[in-house]
């Protein structure tokens, strides 16, 4: 079974990525706790990575299995950071 791919709006994705980049720069200059700034920056970076993977790497049209393969390193990285957090602080 094949599915037809629709034309991707690359300019729209470009503007979203540009807006998220501007938002990342703005977050740095907002007077908040350092931990909140770090969490916001990580969240914005992950959202940009998802946009790039979905549209420029064409993972939006792939099977669920390939998505799980792409998601596994992210889960392992978060697990590693959380396990090493007591040693860092």
C-alpha atoms as a PDB file:
ATOM      1  CA  UNK A   1       0.000   0.000   0.000  1.00  0.00           C
ATOM      2  CA  UNK A   2       1.446   3.311  -1.001  1.00  0.00           C
ATOM      3  CA  UNK A   3       0.288   6.664   0.182  1.00  0.00           C
ATOM      4  CA  UNK A   4       0.592   9.877  -1.756  1.00  0.00           C
ATOM      5  CA  UNK A   5       2.896  12.470  -0.266  1.00  0.00           C
ATOM      6  CA  UNK A   6       1.669  16.004  -0.186  1.00  0.00           C
ATOM      7  CA  UNK A   7       3.859  18.936  -1.153  1.00  0.00           C
ATOM      8  CA  UNK A   8       5.747  20.144   1.915  1.00  0.00           C
ATOM      9  CA  UNK A   9       5.714  23.845   2.681  1.00  0.00           C
ATOM     10  CA  UNK A  10       9.456  24.315   3.254  1.00  0.00           C
ATOM     11  CA  UNK A  11       9.132  28.086   3.553  1.00  0.00           C
ATOM     12  CA  UNK A  12       6.603  27.628   6.367  1.00  0.00           C
ATOM     13  CA  UNK A  13       8.948  25.245   8.152  1.00  0.00           C
ATOM     14  CA  UNK A  14      11.777  27.760   7.668  1.00  0.00           C
ATOM     15  CA  UNK A  15       9.708  30.512   9.322  1.00  0.00           C
ATOM     16  CA  UNK A  16       8.818  28.225  12.251  1.00  0.00           C
ATOM     17  CA  UNK A  17      12.506  27.365  12.737  1.00  0.00           C
ATOM     18  CA  UNK A  18      13.430  31.052  12.523  1.00  0.00           C
ATOM     19  CA  UNK A  19      10.762  31.964  15.057  1.00  0.00           C
ATOM     20  CA  UNK A  20      11.934  29.266  17.456  1.00  0.00           C
ATOM     21  CA  UNK A  21      15.529  30.487  17.100  1.00  0.00           C
ATOM     22  CA  UNK A  22      14.470  34.055  17.907  1.00  0.00           C
ATOM     23  CA  UNK A  23      12.521  32.721  20.883  1.00  0.00           C
ATOM     24  CA  UNK A  24      15.628  30.861  22.100  1.00  0.00           C
ATOM     25  CA  UNK A  25      17.654  34.066  21.946  1.00  0.00           C
ATOM     26  CA  UNK A  26      14.899  35.943  23.795  1.00  0.00           C
ATOM     27  CA  UNK A  27      14.761  33.296  26.557  1.00  0.00           C
ATOM     28  CA  UNK A  28      18.425  33.894  27.353  1.00  0.00           C
ATOM     29  CA  UNK A  29      17.794  37.548  28.184  1.00  0.00           C
ATOM     30  CA  UNK A  30      14.660  37.030  30.321  1.00  0.00           C
ATOM     31  CA  UNK A  31      15.486  37.338  34.029  1.00  0.00           C
ATOM     32  CA  UNK A  32      14.472  33.881  35.286  1.00  0.00           C
ATOM     33  CA  UNK A  33      16.074  31.130  37.292  1.00  0.00           C
ATOM     34  CA  UNK A  34      18.881  29.394  35.435  1.00  0.00           C
ATOM     35  CA  UNK A  35      17.181  25.993  35.642  1.00  0.00           C
ATOM     36  CA  UNK A  36      14.017  27.319  33.995  1.00  0.00           C
ATOM     37  CA  UNK A  37      16.053  28.902  31.198  1.00  0.00           C
ATOM     38  CA  UNK A  38      17.868  25.616  30.591  1.00  0.00           C
ATOM     39  CA  UNK A  39      14.606  23.644  30.519  1.00  0.00           C
ATOM     40  CA  UNK A  40      13.063  26.131  28.075  1.00  0.00           C
ATOM     41  CA  UNK A  41      16.127  26.037  25.820  1.00  0.00           C
ATOM     42  CA  UNK A  42      16.138  22.234  25.773  1.00  0.00           C
ATOM     43  CA  UNK A  43      12.429  22.164  24.963  1.00  0.00           C
ATOM     44  CA  UNK A  44      12.839  24.660  22.128  1.00  0.00           C
ATOM     45  CA  UNK A  45      15.842  22.750  20.743  1.00  0.00           C
ATOM     46  CA  UNK A  46      13.883  19.488  20.812  1.00  0.00           C
ATOM     47  CA  UNK A  47      10.978  21.091  18.992  1.00  0.00           C
ATOM     48  CA  UNK A  48      13.357  22.380  16.314  1.00  0.00           C
ATOM     49  CA  UNK A  49      14.944  18.931  16.005  1.00  0.00           C
ATOM     50  CA  UNK A  50      11.508  17.353  15.562  1.00  0.00           C
ATOM     51  CA  UNK A  51      10.621  19.848  12.816  1.00  0.00           C
ATOM     52  CA  UNK A  52      13.879  19.160  10.974  1.00  0.00           C
ATOM     53  CA  UNK A  53      13.473  15.397  11.298  1.00  0.00           C
ATOM     54  CA  UNK A  54       9.840  15.421  10.221  1.00  0.00           C
ATOM     55  CA  UNK A  55      10.133  17.646   7.168  1.00  0.00           C
ATOM     56  CA  UNK A  56      13.732  17.738   5.950  1.00  0.00           C
ATOM     57  CA  UNK A  57      14.560  14.103   6.782  1.00  0.00           C
ATOM     58  CA  UNK A  58      11.058  13.019   5.620  1.00  0.00           C
ATOM     59  CA  UNK A  59      10.322  11.038   8.777  1.00  0.00           C
ATOM     60  CA  UNK A  60       6.775  12.375   8.750  1.00  0.00           C
ATOM     61  CA  UNK A  61       5.915   9.837   6.076  1.00  0.00           C
ATOM     62  CA  UNK A  62       7.825   6.868   7.499  1.00  0.00           C
ATOM     63  CA  UNK A  63       6.496   3.969   9.513  1.00  0.00           C
ATOM     64  CA  UNK A  64       6.071   3.989  13.265  1.00  0.00           C
ATOM     65  CA  UNK A  65       9.002   1.590  13.656  1.00  0.00           C
ATOM     66  CA  UNK A  66      11.421   4.102  12.174  1.00  0.00           C
ATOM     67  CA  UNK A  67      10.021   6.754  14.503  1.00  0.00           C
ATOM     68  CA  UNK A  68      10.663   4.507  17.486  1.00  0.00           C
ATOM     69  CA  UNK A  69      14.228   3.943  16.302  1.00  0.00           C
ATOM     70  CA  UNK A  70      14.719   7.710  16.155  1.00  0.00           C
ATOM     71  CA  UNK A  71      13.105   8.204  19.582  1.00  0.00           C
ATOM     72  CA  UNK A  72      15.187   5.578  21.414  1.00  0.00           C
ATOM     73  CA  UNK A  73      18.455   7.631  21.616  1.00  0.00           C
ATOM     74  CA  UNK A  74      16.498  10.590  22.972  1.00  0.00           C
ATOM     75  CA  UNK A  75      15.016   8.469  25.753  1.00  0.00           C
ATOM     76  CA  UNK A  76      18.426   6.998  26.585  1.00  0.00           C
ATOM     77  CA  UNK A  77      20.004  10.471  26.655  1.00  0.00           C
ATOM     78  CA  UNK A  78      17.364  11.828  29.043  1.00  0.00           C
ATOM     79  CA  UNK A  79      17.766   8.737  31.250  1.00  0.00           C
ATOM     80  CA  UNK A  80      21.555   9.217  31.319  1.00  0.00           C
ATOM     81  CA  UNK A  81      21.250  12.902  32.212  1.00  0.00           C
ATOM     82  CA  UNK A  82      18.804  12.157  35.023  1.00  0.00           C
ATOM     83  CA  UNK A  83      21.036   9.414  36.409  1.00  0.00           C
ATOM     84  CA  UNK A  84      24.128  11.651  36.350  1.00  0.00           C
ATOM     85  CA  UNK A  85      22.344  14.716  37.740  1.00  0.00           C
ATOM     86  CA  UNK A  86      23.175  13.901  41.420  1.00  0.00           C
ATOM     87  CA  UNK A  87      26.884  13.763  40.537  1.00  0.00           C
ATOM     88  CA  UNK A  88      26.760  17.063  38.684  1.00  0.00           C
ATOM     89  CA  UNK A  89      25.126  19.073  41.453  1.00  0.00           C
END
